[in-house]
Each structure stands twice: as C-alpha cells, then as structure tokens.
PDB file of N, CA and C in Angstrom:
ATOM      1  N   UNK A   1      47.296  -2.289 -11.311  1.00  0.00           N
ATOM      2  CA  UNK A   1      46.387  -3.401 -11.152  1.00  0.00           C
ATOM      3  C   UNK A   1      44.981  -2.940 -11.550  1.00  0.00           C
ATOM      4  N   UNK A   2      44.332  -3.730 -12.395  1.00  0.00           N
ATOM      5  CA  UNK A   2      42.989  -3.400 -12.851  1.00  0.00           C
ATOM      6  C   UNK A   2      41.951  -3.915 -11.871  1.00  0.00           C
ATOM      7  N   UNK A   3      40.865  -3.154 -11.761  1.00  0.00           N
ATOM      8  CA  UNK A   3      39.754  -3.634 -10.937  1.00  0.00           C
ATOM      9  C   UNK A   3      38.891  -4.560 -11.791  1.00  0.00           C
ATOM     10  N   UNK A   4      38.332  -5.598 -11.185  1.00  0.00           N
ATOM     11  CA  UNK A   4      37.501  -6.521 -11.970  1.00  0.00           C
ATOM     12  C   UNK A   4      36.226  -5.826 -12.466  1.00  0.00           C
ATOM     13  N   UNK A   5      35.810  -6.218 -13.659  1.00  0.00           N
ATOM     14  CA  UNK A   5      34.596  -5.633 -14.241  1.00  0.00           C
ATOM     15  C   UNK A   5      33.373  -6.138 -13.480  1.00  0.00           C
ATOM     16  N   UNK A   6      32.385  -5.271 -13.361  1.00  0.00           N
ATOM     17  CA  UNK A   6      31.148  -5.649 -12.657  1.00  0.00           C
ATOM     18  C   UNK A   6      30.367  -6.638 -13.529  1.00  0.00           C
ATOM     19  N   UNK A   7      29.786  -7.651 -12.908  1.00  0.00           N
ATOM     20  CA  UNK A   7      28.999  -8.607 -13.708  1.00  0.00           C
ATOM     21  C   UNK A   7      27.756  -7.922 -14.283  1.00  0.00           C
ATOM     22  N   UNK A   8      27.278  -8.361 -15.445  1.00  0.00           N
ATOM     23  CA  UNK A   8      26.096  -7.731 -16.025  1.00  0.00           C
ATOM     24  C   UNK A   8      24.861  -7.986 -15.161  1.00  0.00           C
ATOM     25  N   UNK A   9      24.014  -6.981 -15.056  1.00  0.00           N
ATOM     26  CA  UNK A   9      22.798  -7.115 -14.251  1.00  0.00           C
ATOM     27  C   UNK A   9      21.671  -7.653 -15.124  1.00  0.00           C
ATOM     28  N   UNK A  10      20.892  -8.588 -14.616  1.00  0.00           N
ATOM     29  CA  UNK A  10      19.755  -9.085 -15.407  1.00  0.00           C
ATOM     30  C   UNK A  10      18.678  -8.007 -15.523  1.00  0.00           C
ATOM     31  N   UNK A  11      18.036  -7.973 -16.658  1.00  0.00           N
ATOM     32  CA  UNK A  11      16.969  -7.014 -16.879  1.00  0.00           C
ATOM     33  C   UNK A  11      15.672  -7.590 -16.318  1.00  0.00           C
ATOM     34  N   UNK A  12      15.022  -6.888 -15.386  1.00  0.00           N
ATOM     35  CA  UNK A  12      13.763  -7.418 -14.844  1.00  0.00           C
ATOM     36  C   UNK A  12      12.666  -7.375 -15.904  1.00  0.00           C
ATOM     37  N   UNK A  13      11.880  -8.427 -15.958  1.00  0.00           N
ATOM     38  CA  UNK A  13      10.774  -8.502 -16.915  1.00  0.00           C
ATOM     39  C   UNK A  13       9.508  -8.916 -16.189  1.00  0.00           C
ATOM     40  N   UNK A  14       8.396  -8.345 -16.630  1.00  0.00           N
ATOM     41  CA  UNK A  14       7.106  -8.728 -16.065  1.00  0.00           C
ATOM     42  C   UNK A  14       6.642 -10.038 -16.686  1.00  0.00           C
ATOM     43  N   UNK A  15       5.880 -10.848 -15.954  1.00  0.00           N
ATOM     44  CA  UNK A  15       5.377 -12.096 -16.532  1.00  0.00           C
ATOM     45  C   UNK A  15       4.331 -11.806 -17.602  1.00  0.00           C
ATOM     46  N   UNK A  16       4.148 -12.752 -18.499  1.00  0.00           N
ATOM     47  CA  UNK A  16       3.132 -12.614 -19.533  1.00  0.00           C
ATOM     48  C   UNK A  16       1.761 -12.716 -18.878  1.00  0.00           C
ATOM     49  N   UNK A  17       0.896 -11.761 -19.167  1.00  0.00           N
ATOM     50  CA  UNK A  17      -0.416 -11.728 -18.548  1.00  0.00           C
ATOM     51  C   UNK A  17      -1.471 -12.259 -19.511  1.00  0.00           C
ATOM     52  N   UNK A  18      -2.483 -12.897 -18.968  1.00  0.00           N
ATOM     53  CA  UNK A  18      -3.589 -13.394 -19.782  1.00  0.00           C
ATOM     54  C   UNK A  18      -4.543 -12.242 -20.099  1.00  0.00           C
ATOM     55  N   UNK A  19      -5.345 -12.446 -21.106  1.00  0.00           N
ATOM     56  CA  UNK A  19      -6.336 -11.436 -21.475  1.00  0.00           C
ATOM     57  C   UNK A  19      -7.367 -11.304 -20.357  1.00  0.00           C
ATOM     58  N   UNK A  20      -7.940 -10.130 -20.147  1.00  0.00           N
ATOM     59  CA  UNK A  20      -8.944  -9.975 -19.091  1.00  0.00           C
ATOM     60  C   UNK A  20     -10.187 -10.808 -19.382  1.00  0.00           C
ATOM     61  N   UNK A  21     -10.840 -11.245 -18.333  1.00  0.00           N
ATOM     62  CA  UNK A  21     -12.048 -12.050 -18.459  1.00  0.00           C
ATOM     63  C   UNK A  21     -13.250 -11.124 -18.578  1.00  0.00           C
ATOM     64  N   UNK A  22     -14.041 -11.332 -19.624  1.00  0.00           N
ATOM     65  CA  UNK A  22     -15.282 -10.573 -19.781  1.00  0.00           C
ATOM     66  C   UNK A  22     -16.421 -11.513 -19.471  1.00  0.00           C
ATOM     67  N   UNK A  23     -17.219 -11.171 -18.478  1.00  0.00           N
ATOM     68  CA  UNK A  23     -18.263 -12.080 -18.036  1.00  0.00           C
ATOM     69  C   UNK A  23     -19.638 -11.750 -18.598  1.00  0.00           C
ATOM     70  N   UNK A  24     -19.748 -10.683 -19.359  1.00  0.00           N
ATOM     71  CA  UNK A  24     -21.034 -10.419 -19.975  1.00  0.00           C
ATOM     72  C   UNK A  24     -20.822  -9.979 -21.418  1.00  0.00           C
ATOM     73  N   UNK A  25     -21.855  -9.991 -22.181  1.00  0.00           N
ATOM     74  CA  UNK A  25     -21.761  -9.704 -23.600  1.00  0.00           C
ATOM     75  C   UNK A  25     -21.909 -11.002 -24.380  1.00  0.00           C
ATOM     76  N   UNK A  26     -22.131 -10.891 -25.651  1.00  0.00           N
ATOM     77  CA  UNK A  26     -22.385 -12.083 -26.455  1.00  0.00           C
ATOM     78  C   UNK A  26     -21.096 -12.727 -26.936  1.00  0.00           C
ATOM     79  N   UNK A  27     -19.972 -12.032 -26.858  1.00  0.00           N
ATOM     80  CA  UNK A  27     -18.711 -12.589 -27.351  1.00  0.00           C
ATOM     81  C   UNK A  27     -18.077 -13.574 -26.385  1.00  0.00           C
ATOM     82  N   UNK A  28     -18.599 -13.685 -25.173  1.00  0.00           N
ATOM     83  CA  UNK A  28     -17.946 -14.512 -24.162  1.00  0.00           C
ATOM     84  C   UNK A  28     -18.054 -16.001 -24.447  1.00  0.00           C
ATOM     85  N   UNK A  29     -19.002 -16.421 -25.264  1.00  0.00           N
ATOM     86  CA  UNK A  29     -19.188 -17.842 -25.528  1.00  0.00           C
ATOM     87  C   UNK A  29     -18.211 -18.360 -26.568  1.00  0.00           C
ATOM     88  N   UNK A  30     -17.419 -17.476 -27.199  1.00  0.00           N
ATOM     89  CA  UNK A  30     -16.455 -17.916 -28.190  1.00  0.00           C
ATOM     90  C   UNK A  30     -17.097 -18.263 -29.517  1.00  0.00           C
ATOM     91  N   UNK A  31     -18.201 -17.661 -29.828  1.00  0.00           N
ATOM     92  CA  UNK A  31     -18.886 -17.925 -31.093  1.00  0.00           C
ATOM     93  C   UNK A  31     -19.294 -16.603 -31.710  1.00  0.00           C
ATOM     94  N   UNK A  32     -19.524 -16.572 -33.010  1.00  0.00           N
ATOM     95  CA  UNK A  32     -20.011 -15.327 -33.615  1.00  0.00           C
ATOM     96  C   UNK A  32     -21.369 -14.946 -33.042  1.00  0.00           C
ATOM     97  N   UNK A  33     -21.680 -13.664 -33.057  1.00  0.00           N
ATOM     98  CA  UNK A  33     -22.926 -13.178 -32.450  1.00  0.00           C
ATOM     99  C   UNK A  33     -24.158 -13.814 -33.079  1.00  0.00           C
ATOM    100  N   UNK A  34     -24.168 -14.036 -34.375  1.00  0.00           N
ATOM    101  CA  UNK A  34     -25.333 -14.615 -35.036  1.00  0.00           C
ATOM    102  C   UNK A  34     -25.085 -16.056 -35.461  1.00  0.00           C
ATOM    103  N   UNK A  35     -24.032 -16.668 -34.967  1.00  0.00           N
ATOM    104  CA  UNK A  35     -23.692 -18.030 -35.366  1.00  0.00           C
ATOM    105  C   UNK A  35     -24.509 -19.064 -34.613  1.00  0.00           C
ATOM    106  N   UNK A  36     -24.316 -20.331 -34.958  1.00  0.00           N
ATOM    107  CA  UNK A  36     -25.050 -21.391 -34.264  1.00  0.00           C
ATOM    108  C   UNK A  36     -24.533 -21.570 -32.834  1.00  0.00           C
ATOM    109  N   UNK A  37     -25.338 -22.169 -32.025  1.00  0.00           N
ATOM    110  CA  UNK A  37     -24.933 -22.435 -30.651  1.00  0.00           C
ATOM    111  C   UNK A  37     -25.896 -21.829 -29.663  1.00  0.00           C
ATOM    112  N   UNK A  38     -25.583 -21.983 -28.420  1.00  0.00           N
ATOM    113  CA  UNK A  38     -26.452 -21.466 -27.366  1.00  0.00           C
ATOM    114  C   UNK A  38     -25.925 -20.126 -26.886  1.00  0.00           C
ATOM    115  N   UNK A  39     -26.794 -19.326 -26.333  1.00  0.00           N
ATOM    116  CA  UNK A  39     -26.361 -18.054 -25.763  1.00  0.00           C
ATOM    117  C   UNK A  39     -25.940 -18.292 -24.318  1.00  0.00           C
ATOM    118  N   UNK A  40     -24.962 -17.563 -23.820  1.00  0.00           N
ATOM    119  CA  UNK A  40     -24.522 -17.754 -22.445  1.00  0.00           C
ATOM    120  C   UNK A  40     -25.597 -17.330 -21.453  1.00  0.00           C
ATOM    121  N   UNK A  41     -25.666 -18.026 -20.344  1.00  0.00           N
ATOM    122  CA  UNK A  41     -26.640 -17.699 -19.297  1.00  0.00           C
ATOM    123  C   UNK A  41     -26.197 -16.443 -18.566  1.00  0.00           C
ATOM    124  N   UNK A  42     -27.146 -15.642 -18.137  1.00  0.00           N
ATOM    125  CA  UNK A  42     -26.824 -14.459 -17.348  1.00  0.00           C
ATOM    126  C   UNK A  42     -26.536 -14.881 -15.923  1.00  0.00           C
ATOM    127  N   UNK A  43     -25.456 -14.411 -15.400  1.00  0.00           N
ATOM    128  CA  UNK A  43     -25.075 -14.713 -14.035  1.00  0.00           C
ATOM    129  C   UNK A  43     -25.867 -13.839 -13.070  1.00  0.00           C
ATOM    130  N   UNK A  44     -25.975 -14.294 -11.849  1.00  0.00           N
ATOM    131  CA  UNK A  44     -26.634 -13.472 -10.823  1.00  0.00           C
ATOM    132  C   UNK A  44     -25.798 -12.241 -10.500  1.00  0.00           C
ATOM    133  N   UNK A  45     -24.520 -12.254 -10.849  1.00  0.00           N
ATOM    134  CA  UNK A  45     -23.623 -11.140 -10.556  1.00  0.00           C
ATOM    135  C   UNK A  45     -23.543 -10.138 -11.711  1.00  0.00           C
ATOM    136  N   UNK A  46     -24.206 -10.411 -12.827  1.00  0.00           N
ATOM    137  CA  UNK A  46     -24.059  -9.596 -14.031  1.00  0.00           C
ATOM    138  C   UNK A  46     -24.535  -8.162 -13.840  1.00  0.00           C
ATOM    139  N   UNK A  47     -25.494  -7.923 -12.987  1.00  0.00           N
ATOM    140  CA  UNK A  47     -26.026  -6.574 -12.802  1.00  0.00           C
ATOM    141  C   UNK A  47     -25.179  -5.720 -11.866  1.00  0.00           C
ATOM    142  N   UNK A  48     -24.247  -6.323 -11.142  1.00  0.00           N
ATOM    143  CA  UNK A  48     -23.405  -5.579 -10.205  1.00  0.00           C
ATOM    144  C   UNK A  48     -22.230  -4.949 -10.936  1.00  0.00           C
ATOM    145  N   UNK A  49     -21.622  -3.951 -10.341  1.00  0.00           N
ATOM    146  CA  UNK A  49     -20.454  -3.306 -10.932  1.00  0.00           C
ATOM    147  C   UNK A  49     -19.349  -3.193  -9.892  1.00  0.00           C
ATOM    148  N   UNK A  50     -18.136  -2.991 -10.375  1.00  0.00           N
ATOM    149  CA  UNK A  50     -16.988  -2.720  -9.522  1.00  0.00           C
ATOM    150  C   UNK A  50     -16.658  -3.839  -8.547  1.00  0.00           C
ATOM    151  N   UNK A  51     -16.219  -3.475  -7.335  1.00  0.00           N
ATOM    152  CA  UNK A  51     -15.825  -4.467  -6.339  1.00  0.00           C
ATOM    153  C   UNK A  51     -16.965  -5.403  -5.937  1.00  0.00           C
ATOM    154  N   UNK A  52     -18.200  -4.912  -5.992  1.00  0.00           N
ATOM    155  CA  UNK A  52     -19.332  -5.772  -5.621  1.00  0.00           C
ATOM    156  C   UNK A  52     -19.435  -6.953  -6.578  1.00  0.00           C
ATOM    157  N   UNK A  53     -19.186  -6.717  -7.861  1.00  0.00           N
ATOM    158  CA  UNK A  53     -19.225  -7.800  -8.847  1.00  0.00           C
ATOM    159  C   UNK A  53     -18.106  -8.808  -8.596  1.00  0.00           C
ATOM    160  N   UNK A  54     -16.910  -8.315  -8.315  1.00  0.00           N
ATOM    161  CA  UNK A  54     -15.776  -9.206  -8.035  1.00  0.00           C
ATOM    162  C   UNK A  54     -16.052 -10.066  -6.807  1.00  0.00           C
ATOM    163  N   UNK A  55     -16.600  -9.456  -5.762  1.00  0.00           N
ATOM    164  CA  UNK A  55     -16.903 -10.212  -4.537  1.00  0.00           C
ATOM    165  C   UNK A  55     -18.008 -11.227  -4.788  1.00  0.00           C
ATOM    166  N   UNK A  56     -18.972 -10.885  -5.635  1.00  0.00           N
ATOM    167  CA  UNK A  56     -20.060 -11.805  -5.947  1.00  0.00           C
ATOM    168  C   UNK A  56     -19.517 -13.037  -6.677  1.00  0.00           C
ATOM    169  N   UNK A  57     -18.655 -12.822  -7.691  1.00  0.00           N
ATOM    170  CA  UNK A  57     -18.076 -13.949  -8.424  1.00  0.00           C
ATOM    171  C   UNK A  57     -17.164 -14.789  -7.520  1.00  0.00           C
ATOM    172  N   UNK A  58     -16.470 -14.135  -6.603  1.00  0.00           N
ATOM    173  CA  UNK A  58     -15.597 -14.887  -5.689  1.00  0.00           C
ATOM    174  C   UNK A  58     -16.400 -15.753  -4.748  1.00  0.00           C
ATOM    175  N   UNK A  59     -17.637 -15.333  -4.436  1.00  0.00           N
ATOM    176  CA  UNK A  59     -18.473 -16.094  -3.505  1.00  0.00           C
ATOM    177  C   UNK A  59     -19.161 -17.287  -4.175  1.00  0.00           C
ATOM    178  N   UNK A  60     -19.190 -17.313  -5.523  1.00  0.00           N
ATOM    179  CA  UNK A  60     -19.857 -18.432  -6.212  1.00  0.00           C
ATOM    180  C   UNK A  60     -19.091 -19.716  -6.110  1.00  0.00           C
TER     181      UNK A  60
END
C-alpha cells in the first residue's frame, strides 16, 4: 500500500512595497529641478533627523 503524497506547500511571498517617501530635496515635487512650477515648502520637521522627524510628521 502506497502512502499518499504530501500536498505542495505554498511559497511565502512578501507584499509589494511602495517607494520610500522623501520629504526634503527638490525632487519631491515631481518636477525637474530647473523646470516650471513652484518649489515645495519647507516643513517644520525638515531640520529634525531620525525618530524625532518621524514623530514630528506623525503629530502634524
């Protein structure tokens, strides 16, 4: 008597991730650096770094 074959196991996959958000720099407005349009405003959180910046943006 043969033993039944084990069912195939699904391969775990990570979800597709979005690109990271950059909150400073001239490229964030989606326009060329010298192209037409307005420049993005500086946020009050732009001078902070690390976890302090994340907490500042979360509080807005």
